[in-house]
């Protein structure tokens, strides 16, 4: 049965409604710290984050712990998230990314701070991930509903693997236990980037080892194109090879070129030059805490929708 069990784990990071200083790293430059602190209270991203938070509000540690999300919950969440009224203006995020990179360039490159990089990753991933989540196949069905099905765009992980993934999608920033549903109104947590990277979650489980029947589909094209197109207009400052969430893209892109042919992604802006080396352009931004706009939470909640249909 389809469910939002993964959403239940991921959306929890959007539950903190007040500033979470624990998510702002220590030992970083004063300029970077000031920027992240101000972003923690910045509500300008709410048009991008609120729809995802609202679409998944019935799930997660803050929801009724005795409820079991259903297949219809997945459809309702997708319809809500992907409605035209929920469209996020990516220019808002591009502007924030530029400010982020300007304020924290050292922490993102020469004096790398993994916590700062994770925050940059989270905000950077929001527009392409949201677009990938809302992609539809030729029959008008959401691509995420095809995950793991015959002819679907991605493989079907075993149930035990899915359970493990769902239990390790996030971790408590304060050190509290994080892998069970909770009823607290506020909890400071962050994405478990190891789980995301190991399973290519932001690419909805697409991976370089897939056969052509799963790698060369319209849905796979839409998912990959979502990222390439965004990256062409907003290069990832430190270089995708440094990304904790997107680091697997270069290998995936090369596999698509080899397996599906160079024309498979025709029409997409193929920003191959930005897939490994750093394109140090003034683009960088994020939200270091689970504050009012809940950027961290919205990214993981969106990722949750991408795998919800598998459970």
Protein backbone atom coordinates (compact mmCIF):
# COMPACT_ATOMS: atom_id res chain seq x y z
CA UNK A 1 0.00 0.00 0.00
CA UNK A 2 1.24 3.45 -0.85
CA UNK A 3 1.76 5.75 2.10
CA UNK A 4 3.51 8.87 3.28
CA UNK A 5 5.61 7.00 5.78
CA UNK A 6 8.69 8.64 4.34
CA UNK A 7 7.01 12.01 4.53
CA UNK A 8 6.32 11.26 8.16
CA UNK A 9 10.05 11.13 8.77
CA UNK A 10 11.02 14.00 6.52
CA UNK A 11 8.39 16.60 7.17
CA UNK A 12 9.31 16.59 10.82
CA UNK A 13 12.12 18.98 10.08
CA UNK A 14 9.57 21.59 9.12
CA UNK A 15 7.88 21.43 12.49
CA UNK A 16 10.09 23.84 14.39
CA UNK A 17 8.24 27.12 14.29
CA UNK A 18 10.80 29.17 16.17
CA UNK A 19 14.45 29.94 15.70
CA UNK A 20 16.79 27.01 16.21
CA UNK A 21 20.24 28.37 17.08
CA UNK A 22 21.55 24.80 17.38
CA UNK A 23 21.41 24.60 13.59
CA UNK A 24 23.73 27.56 13.10
CA UNK A 25 27.28 26.18 13.24
CA UNK A 26 29.93 27.54 15.56
CA UNK A 27 33.45 28.27 14.41
CA UNK A 28 32.43 30.03 11.20
CA UNK A 29 33.13 33.60 10.11
CA UNK A 30 31.12 36.38 11.68
CA UNK A 31 29.75 37.39 8.28
CA UNK A 32 28.50 33.90 7.55
CA UNK A 33 27.07 33.49 11.03
CA UNK A 34 25.24 36.82 10.78
CA UNK A 35 23.83 35.89 7.40
CA UNK A 36 22.56 32.51 8.59
CA UNK A 37 21.09 34.08 11.71
CA UNK A 38 19.19 36.62 9.62
CA UNK A 39 17.94 33.92 7.28
CA UNK A 40 16.67 32.03 10.27
CA UNK A 41 14.15 34.83 10.74
CA UNK A 42 13.57 35.63 7.07
CA UNK A 43 10.02 34.99 5.88
CA UNK A 44 10.61 35.90 2.22
CA UNK A 45 10.86 32.24 1.22
CA UNK A 46 7.46 31.33 2.59
CA UNK A 47 5.88 31.16 -0.88
CA UNK A 48 8.30 28.35 -1.66
CA UNK A 49 8.15 26.53 1.64
CA UNK A 50 4.61 26.93 2.93
CA UNK A 51 2.93 24.84 0.18
CA UNK A 52 5.15 21.86 0.97
CA UNK A 53 4.67 22.22 4.70
CA UNK A 54 0.90 22.45 4.26
CA UNK A 55 0.77 19.55 1.80
CA UNK A 56 2.49 17.27 4.30
CA UNK A 57 1.09 18.72 7.51
CA UNK A 58 -0.82 15.54 8.40
CA UNK A 59 2.37 13.51 8.61
CA UNK A 60 5.52 13.40 10.68
CA UNK A 61 6.49 13.44 14.35
CA UNK A 62 4.05 16.25 15.06
CA UNK A 63 1.09 14.36 13.59
CA UNK A 64 -1.16 11.89 15.36
CA UNK A 65 1.20 9.02 16.15
CA UNK A 66 -1.60 6.46 15.80
CA UNK A 67 -2.58 7.47 12.26
CA UNK A 68 -1.43 5.55 9.19
CA UNK A 69 -1.04 7.59 5.98
CA UNK A 70 -2.83 6.07 2.98
CA UNK A 71 -2.57 5.96 -0.80
CA UNK A 72 -5.11 8.74 -1.14
CA UNK A 73 -2.99 10.87 1.20
CA UNK A 74 -0.14 10.61 -1.30
CA UNK A 75 -2.36 11.77 -4.16
CA UNK A 76 -3.81 14.62 -2.13
CA UNK A 77 -0.38 15.79 -1.03
CA UNK A 78 0.93 15.71 -4.60
CA UNK A 79 -2.10 17.57 -5.96
CA UNK A 80 -1.72 20.21 -3.27
CA UNK A 81 2.01 20.58 -3.72
CA UNK A 82 1.88 20.69 -7.51
CA UNK A 83 -1.12 22.97 -7.97
CA UNK A 84 -0.48 26.13 -9.96
CA UNK A 85 -1.25 28.22 -6.89
CA UNK A 86 1.66 26.55 -5.10
CA UNK A 87 4.23 27.57 -7.68
CA UNK A 88 7.46 28.81 -6.17
CA UNK A 89 9.26 31.66 -7.88
CA UNK A 90 12.76 30.27 -8.22
CA UNK A 91 14.16 33.78 -8.62
CA UNK A 92 13.60 34.26 -4.90
CA UNK A 93 15.80 31.28 -4.14
CA UNK A 94 18.39 32.36 -6.71
CA UNK A 95 18.68 35.69 -4.95
CA UNK A 96 19.11 34.03 -1.58
CA UNK A 97 21.70 31.66 -3.01
CA UNK A 98 23.71 34.59 -4.30
CA UNK A 99 23.67 36.23 -0.88
CA UNK A 100 24.54 32.93 0.79
CA UNK A 101 27.60 32.32 -1.35
CA UNK A 102 28.79 35.89 -0.92
CA UNK A 103 28.55 35.69 2.87
CA UNK A 104 29.85 32.13 3.31
CA UNK A 105 32.17 31.52 0.35
CA UNK A 106 35.04 30.32 2.57
CA UNK A 107 32.80 27.94 4.49
CA UNK A 108 31.59 26.50 1.17
CA UNK A 109 35.04 26.12 -0.41
CA UNK A 110 38.50 26.73 1.06
CA UNK A 111 37.49 26.38 4.72
CA UNK A 112 34.67 23.91 4.15
CA UNK A 113 32.10 23.56 6.90
CA UNK A 114 29.86 20.54 6.33
CA UNK A 115 26.93 22.06 8.23
CA UNK A 116 27.00 25.22 6.14
CA UNK A 117 27.34 23.15 2.96
CA UNK A 118 24.35 21.03 3.96
CA UNK A 119 22.25 24.14 4.37
CA UNK A 120 23.35 25.44 0.97
CA UNK A 121 22.49 22.03 -0.50
CA UNK A 122 19.05 22.08 1.02
CA UNK A 123 18.01 25.43 -0.40
CA UNK A 124 19.68 24.81 -3.74
CA UNK A 125 17.83 21.52 -4.17
CA UNK A 126 14.37 22.90 -3.48
CA UNK A 127 13.37 24.19 -6.97
CA UNK A 128 14.60 21.22 -9.05
CA UNK A 129 13.40 18.67 -6.50
CA UNK A 130 9.94 20.21 -6.39
CA UNK A 131 9.81 20.16 -10.18
CA UNK A 132 10.94 16.52 -10.28
CA UNK A 133 8.32 15.55 -7.70
CA UNK A 134 5.59 17.14 -9.82
CA UNK A 135 6.71 15.62 -13.15
CA UNK A 136 4.13 13.49 -14.98
CA UNK A 137 4.44 10.64 -17.45
CA UNK A 138 2.88 10.50 -20.91
CA UNK A 139 -0.42 9.31 -19.46
CA UNK A 140 -0.67 12.25 -17.08
CA UNK A 141 0.22 10.29 -13.94
CA UNK A 142 2.77 11.61 -11.48
CA UNK A 143 6.14 10.00 -12.12
CA UNK A 144 6.57 9.33 -8.42
CA UNK A 145 3.57 7.02 -8.61
CA UNK A 146 5.53 4.94 -11.12
CA UNK A 147 8.51 4.41 -8.85
CA UNK A 148 9.24 0.72 -8.66
CA UNK A 149 6.40 -0.34 -10.94
CA UNK A 150 6.81 -2.34 -14.11
CA UNK A 151 8.19 0.09 -16.65
CA UNK A 152 8.62 2.71 -13.97
CA UNK A 153 11.43 5.22 -13.93
CA UNK A 154 13.30 3.75 -10.96
CA UNK A 155 13.93 0.38 -9.33
CA UNK A 156 11.85 -0.94 -6.48
CA UNK A 157 13.94 -1.21 -3.32
CA UNK A 158 12.98 -4.06 -1.03
CA UNK A 159 10.54 -3.37 1.76
CA UNK A 160 13.26 -3.80 4.36
CA UNK A 161 15.45 -1.31 2.50
CA UNK A 162 12.61 1.20 2.37
CA UNK A 163 11.96 0.82 6.07
CA UNK A 164 15.63 1.44 6.78
CA UNK A 165 15.63 4.52 4.55
CA UNK A 166 12.50 5.87 6.21
CA UNK A 167 14.09 5.42 9.63
CA UNK A 168 17.26 7.25 8.68
CA UNK A 169 16.11 10.22 6.64
CA UNK A 170 16.84 12.78 9.33
CA UNK A 171 18.70 13.21 12.56
CA UNK A 172 18.12 15.39 15.58
CA UNK A 173 20.34 18.45 15.60
CA UNK A 174 20.28 18.51 19.38
CA UNK A 175 21.18 14.84 19.75
CA UNK A 176 17.68 13.72 20.64
CA UNK A 177 16.35 10.44 19.27
CA UNK A 178 15.12 11.15 15.75
CA UNK A 179 13.87 7.99 14.09
CA UNK A 180 10.45 7.63 15.64
CA UNK A 181 7.30 9.67 15.23
CA UNK A 182 6.91 12.25 17.95
CA UNK A 183 4.14 14.49 19.22
CA UNK A 184 6.23 17.48 20.21
CA UNK A 185 5.25 20.74 18.55
CA UNK A 186 8.85 21.63 17.85
CA UNK A 187 11.97 19.61 17.10
CA UNK A 188 15.26 20.69 15.56
CA UNK A 189 16.41 18.10 13.03
CA UNK A 190 18.43 17.99 9.82
CA UNK A 191 18.49 15.73 6.75
CA UNK A 192 20.68 12.65 7.09
CA UNK A 193 22.83 13.38 4.05
CA UNK A 194 24.42 9.93 4.15
CA UNK A 195 21.05 8.31 3.49
CA UNK A 196 20.21 10.80 0.77
CA UNK A 197 23.50 10.37 -1.04
CA UNK A 198 23.66 6.57 -0.75
CA UNK A 199 20.21 6.19 -2.31
CA UNK A 200 20.18 9.12 -4.76
CA UNK A 201 16.94 10.20 -3.11
CA UNK A 202 16.81 13.67 -4.64
CA UNK A 203 16.89 11.96 -8.05
CA UNK A 204 14.05 9.67 -6.95
CA UNK A 205 16.28 6.59 -6.83
CA UNK A 206 17.64 6.97 -10.36
CA UNK A 207 21.18 5.59 -10.41
CA UNK A 208 23.89 4.95 -13.02
CA UNK A 209 23.55 1.14 -12.89
CA UNK A 210 19.94 1.06 -14.10
CA UNK A 211 19.15 -0.69 -17.40
CA UNK A 212 17.88 1.35 -20.31
CA UNK A 213 14.29 0.25 -19.63
CA UNK A 214 14.35 2.29 -16.43
CA UNK A 215 16.99 4.91 -17.16
CA UNK A 216 15.75 5.98 -20.59
CA UNK A 217 12.12 6.82 -19.84
CA UNK A 218 10.18 10.08 -20.18
CA UNK A 219 9.95 10.30 -16.39
CA UNK A 220 13.69 9.80 -15.96
CA UNK A 221 14.28 12.51 -18.55
CA UNK A 222 11.99 14.92 -16.71
CA UNK A 223 13.62 14.23 -13.35
CA UNK A 224 17.17 14.72 -14.63
CA UNK A 225 16.24 17.72 -16.76
CA UNK A 226 14.75 19.44 -13.70
CA UNK A 227 18.22 19.58 -12.17
CA UNK A 228 20.24 20.31 -15.30
CA UNK A 229 18.00 23.21 -16.27
CA UNK A 230 18.18 24.80 -12.84
CA UNK A 231 21.94 24.34 -12.68
CA UNK A 232 22.43 26.00 -16.06
CA UNK A 233 20.84 29.20 -14.79
CA UNK A 234 22.04 28.92 -11.20
CA UNK A 235 25.40 27.11 -11.03
CA UNK A 236 26.16 25.28 -7.80
CA UNK A 237 28.91 27.46 -6.32
CA UNK A 238 31.24 24.88 -4.72
CA UNK A 239 30.82 22.41 -7.61
CA UNK A 240 28.44 19.46 -7.56
CA UNK A 241 31.26 17.09 -6.73
CA UNK A 242 31.25 18.69 -3.27
CA UNK A 243 27.51 18.43 -2.77
CA UNK A 244 26.19 16.19 -0.02
CA UNK A 245 22.82 15.75 -1.73
CA UNK A 246 23.66 16.12 -5.43
CA UNK A 247 27.10 14.52 -5.58
CA UNK A 248 25.79 11.53 -7.53
CA UNK A 249 24.58 13.60 -10.45
CA UNK A 250 27.77 13.55 -12.50
CA UNK A 251 27.87 9.74 -12.64
CA UNK A 252 24.13 9.63 -13.35
CA UNK A 253 24.47 12.15 -16.16
CA UNK A 254 27.33 10.24 -17.76
CA UNK A 255 25.37 6.98 -17.52
CA UNK A 256 22.39 8.57 -19.24
CA UNK A 257 24.60 9.88 -22.03
CA UNK A 258 26.13 6.43 -22.52
CA UNK A 259 23.02 4.29 -22.09
CA UNK A 260 20.36 6.49 -23.64
CA UNK A 261 22.40 8.39 -26.21
CA UNK A 262 23.45 12.01 -26.45
CA UNK A 263 20.08 13.03 -27.89
CA UNK A 264 18.08 11.70 -24.94
CA UNK A 265 18.35 14.97 -23.04
CA UNK A 266 18.02 17.18 -26.11
CA UNK A 267 15.97 20.21 -25.25
CA UNK A 268 17.44 20.37 -21.78
CA UNK A 269 20.18 22.85 -21.10
CA UNK A 270 23.01 20.39 -20.58
CA UNK A 271 25.22 22.13 -18.05
CA UNK A 272 27.80 19.36 -18.07
CA UNK A 273 30.57 21.78 -17.21
CA UNK A 274 28.96 22.47 -13.87
CA UNK A 275 28.51 18.87 -12.83
CA UNK A 276 31.89 18.38 -11.18
CA UNK A 277 34.05 21.49 -11.03
CA UNK A 278 33.02 24.55 -9.11
CA UNK A 279 31.37 27.32 -11.05
CA UNK A 280 32.06 30.09 -8.62
CA UNK A 281 29.29 32.42 -9.58
CA UNK A 282 27.49 34.66 -7.12
CA UNK A 283 24.76 32.17 -6.40
CA UNK A 284 24.29 30.78 -2.93
CA UNK A 285 21.69 30.85 -0.19
CA UNK A 286 19.87 28.94 2.39
CA UNK A 287 18.26 28.63 5.64
CA UNK A 288 20.29 27.25 8.40
CA UNK A 289 17.50 26.58 10.75
CA UNK A 290 14.02 25.25 10.89
CA UNK A 291 12.63 28.68 11.39
CA UNK A 292 9.51 30.34 10.06
CA UNK A 293 9.97 29.44 6.41
CA UNK A 294 11.19 25.92 7.12
CA UNK A 295 13.50 25.54 4.12
CA UNK A 296 15.26 22.50 5.50
CA UNK A 297 11.95 20.88 6.22
CA UNK A 298 10.47 21.61 2.85
CA UNK A 299 13.31 19.97 0.97
CA UNK A 300 13.12 16.79 2.93
CA UNK A 301 9.34 16.83 2.78
CA UNK A 302 9.50 17.14 -1.00
CA UNK A 303 11.97 14.28 -1.16
CA UNK A 304 9.57 12.26 0.92
CA UNK A 305 6.86 12.64 -1.66
CA UNK A 306 9.27 11.25 -4.21
CA UNK A 307 9.50 7.91 -2.44
CA UNK A 308 6.14 7.75 -0.70
CA UNK A 309 4.53 5.65 -3.42
CA UNK A 310 6.95 2.82 -2.77
CA UNK A 311 5.75 2.06 0.73
